[in-house]
Amino acid sequence: MIQLRLKTNAVVNHNNEITRESWAVMPGPNRCNYLTDPNPGSISVKATDGRPIINAESVPTNDENEIAYSHFSVIVFAINELEWLYLPRRGHRRAQLFGIELNRYKATG
């Protein structure tokens, strides 16, 4: 078993250059996942994912695309500390990385 503990700072990007760039490369059918009704964060009286029933290959119309984009955000995390713990039956191992050590590693998604 491996456990990770991260200490981070996060920035929520909404309707800015970062979200526009990410949205531009998202395939059209994936954009339909952001066509929720009611809006994200709304209280629902029944269990629902809020997505309309559509063909899996559907691409949003221009109007739907604007609605979907208004529900889209990109969260960027800066990891300040990472603690890794490996828990085999014998010989637990632990490693910690802080600040500048973490700058040597970059992940993209």
Protein backbone atom coordinates (compact mmCIF):
# COMPACT_ATOMS: atom_id res chain seq x y z
CA MET A 1 0.00 0.00 0.00
CA ILE A 2 1.19 3.50 -0.83
CA GLN A 3 -0.02 6.67 0.87
CA LEU A 4 0.57 10.18 -0.42
CA ARG A 5 0.07 13.37 1.51
CA LEU A 6 0.33 16.69 -0.30
CA LYS A 7 0.38 20.25 0.98
CA THR A 8 -0.66 22.57 -1.80
CA ASN A 9 -1.81 26.00 -2.82
CA ALA A 10 -4.58 26.04 -5.42
CA VAL A 11 -5.85 28.62 -7.88
CA VAL A 12 -9.28 28.23 -9.47
CA ASN A 13 -9.28 29.57 -13.03
CA HIS A 14 -12.66 30.48 -14.51
CA ASN A 15 -13.35 32.30 -17.77
CA ASN A 16 -9.74 33.32 -18.35
CA GLU A 17 -6.87 32.51 -20.73
CA ILE A 18 -6.08 29.22 -18.97
CA THR A 19 -9.65 27.95 -19.28
CA ARG A 20 -9.94 29.17 -22.89
CA GLU A 21 -6.78 27.26 -23.87
CA SER A 22 -7.95 24.08 -22.12
CA TRP A 23 -11.45 24.36 -23.57
CA ALA A 24 -10.10 24.85 -27.10
CA VAL A 25 -8.35 21.46 -27.10
CA MET A 26 -11.21 19.55 -25.43
CA PRO A 27 -13.05 17.25 -27.88
CA GLY A 28 -16.61 18.40 -28.62
CA PRO A 29 -18.34 15.32 -27.15
CA ASN A 30 -16.47 15.84 -23.85
CA ARG A 31 -17.81 19.40 -23.63
CA CYS A 32 -21.31 17.94 -23.25
CA ASN A 33 -20.30 16.81 -19.74
CA TYR A 34 -20.49 20.47 -18.68
CA LEU A 35 -24.08 20.96 -19.91
CA THR A 36 -25.53 20.31 -16.48
CA ASP A 37 -28.97 21.51 -15.49
CA PRO A 38 -29.36 22.79 -12.86
CA ASN A 39 -26.07 24.64 -12.61
CA PRO A 40 -23.13 23.02 -10.77
CA GLY A 41 -23.47 23.36 -7.00
CA SER A 42 -27.27 23.56 -7.10
CA ILE A 43 -29.31 21.54 -4.63
CA SER A 44 -31.22 18.65 -6.20
CA VAL A 45 -34.19 16.81 -4.71
CA LYS A 46 -33.25 13.63 -6.58
CA ALA A 47 -29.96 11.95 -7.41
CA THR A 48 -28.78 13.07 -10.84
CA ASP A 49 -25.60 13.90 -12.67
CA GLY A 50 -27.48 16.82 -14.25
CA ARG A 51 -26.39 15.99 -17.79
CA PRO A 52 -28.92 15.94 -20.63
CA ILE A 53 -29.58 12.64 -22.38
CA ILE A 54 -27.61 12.96 -25.60
CA ASN A 55 -25.83 10.82 -28.13
CA ALA A 56 -22.31 9.99 -26.90
CA GLU A 57 -20.86 11.52 -30.08
CA SER A 58 -22.89 14.74 -29.87
CA VAL A 59 -21.11 18.05 -30.17
CA PRO A 60 -22.69 21.05 -28.41
CA THR A 61 -24.35 23.72 -30.52
CA ASN A 62 -22.90 27.24 -30.23
CA ASP A 63 -25.48 28.17 -27.56
CA GLU A 64 -24.86 24.93 -25.64
CA ASN A 65 -21.11 25.47 -25.93
CA GLU A 66 -21.42 28.85 -24.19
CA ILE A 67 -23.46 27.33 -21.36
CA ALA A 68 -21.06 24.40 -21.00
CA TYR A 69 -18.01 26.72 -20.95
CA SER A 70 -19.62 28.84 -18.21
CA HIS A 71 -19.60 25.68 -16.02
CA PHE A 72 -15.93 24.88 -16.76
CA SER A 73 -12.97 25.69 -14.49
CA VAL A 74 -9.32 24.64 -14.31
CA ILE A 75 -7.76 24.20 -10.88
CA VAL A 76 -3.97 24.58 -10.78
CA PHE A 77 -2.18 23.15 -7.76
CA ALA A 78 1.30 24.12 -6.60
CA ILE A 79 2.66 21.32 -4.43
CA ASN A 80 4.66 22.70 -1.51
CA GLU A 81 5.30 19.40 0.24
CA LEU A 82 4.92 15.77 -0.76
CA GLU A 83 5.15 12.88 1.67
CA TRP A 84 5.29 9.35 0.26
CA LEU A 85 4.76 6.35 2.50
CA TYR A 86 5.14 2.73 1.35
CA LEU A 87 3.56 0.23 3.72
CA PRO A 88 4.52 -3.36 2.92
CA ARG A 89 4.16 -5.98 5.66
CA ARG A 90 7.75 -5.32 6.73
CA GLY A 91 10.11 -2.42 6.20
CA HIS A 92 7.99 0.69 5.80
CA ARG A 93 9.62 3.37 3.65
CA ARG A 94 9.03 7.10 3.77
CA ALA A 95 10.21 10.00 1.65
CA GLN A 96 9.50 13.72 1.83
CA LEU A 97 10.11 16.40 -0.77
CA PHE A 98 9.83 20.11 -0.04
CA GLY A 99 9.57 23.27 -2.16
CA ILE A 100 12.60 23.51 -4.41
CA GLU A 101 13.04 19.72 -4.60
CA LEU A 102 9.57 19.48 -6.11
CA ASN A 103 10.45 21.97 -8.87
CA ARG A 104 12.55 19.27 -10.55
CA TYR A 105 9.40 17.32 -11.41
CA LYS A 106 6.63 18.38 -13.76
CA ALA A 107 3.39 16.62 -14.57
CA THR A 108 0.91 17.57 -17.25
CA GLY A 109 -2.50 16.16 -17.95
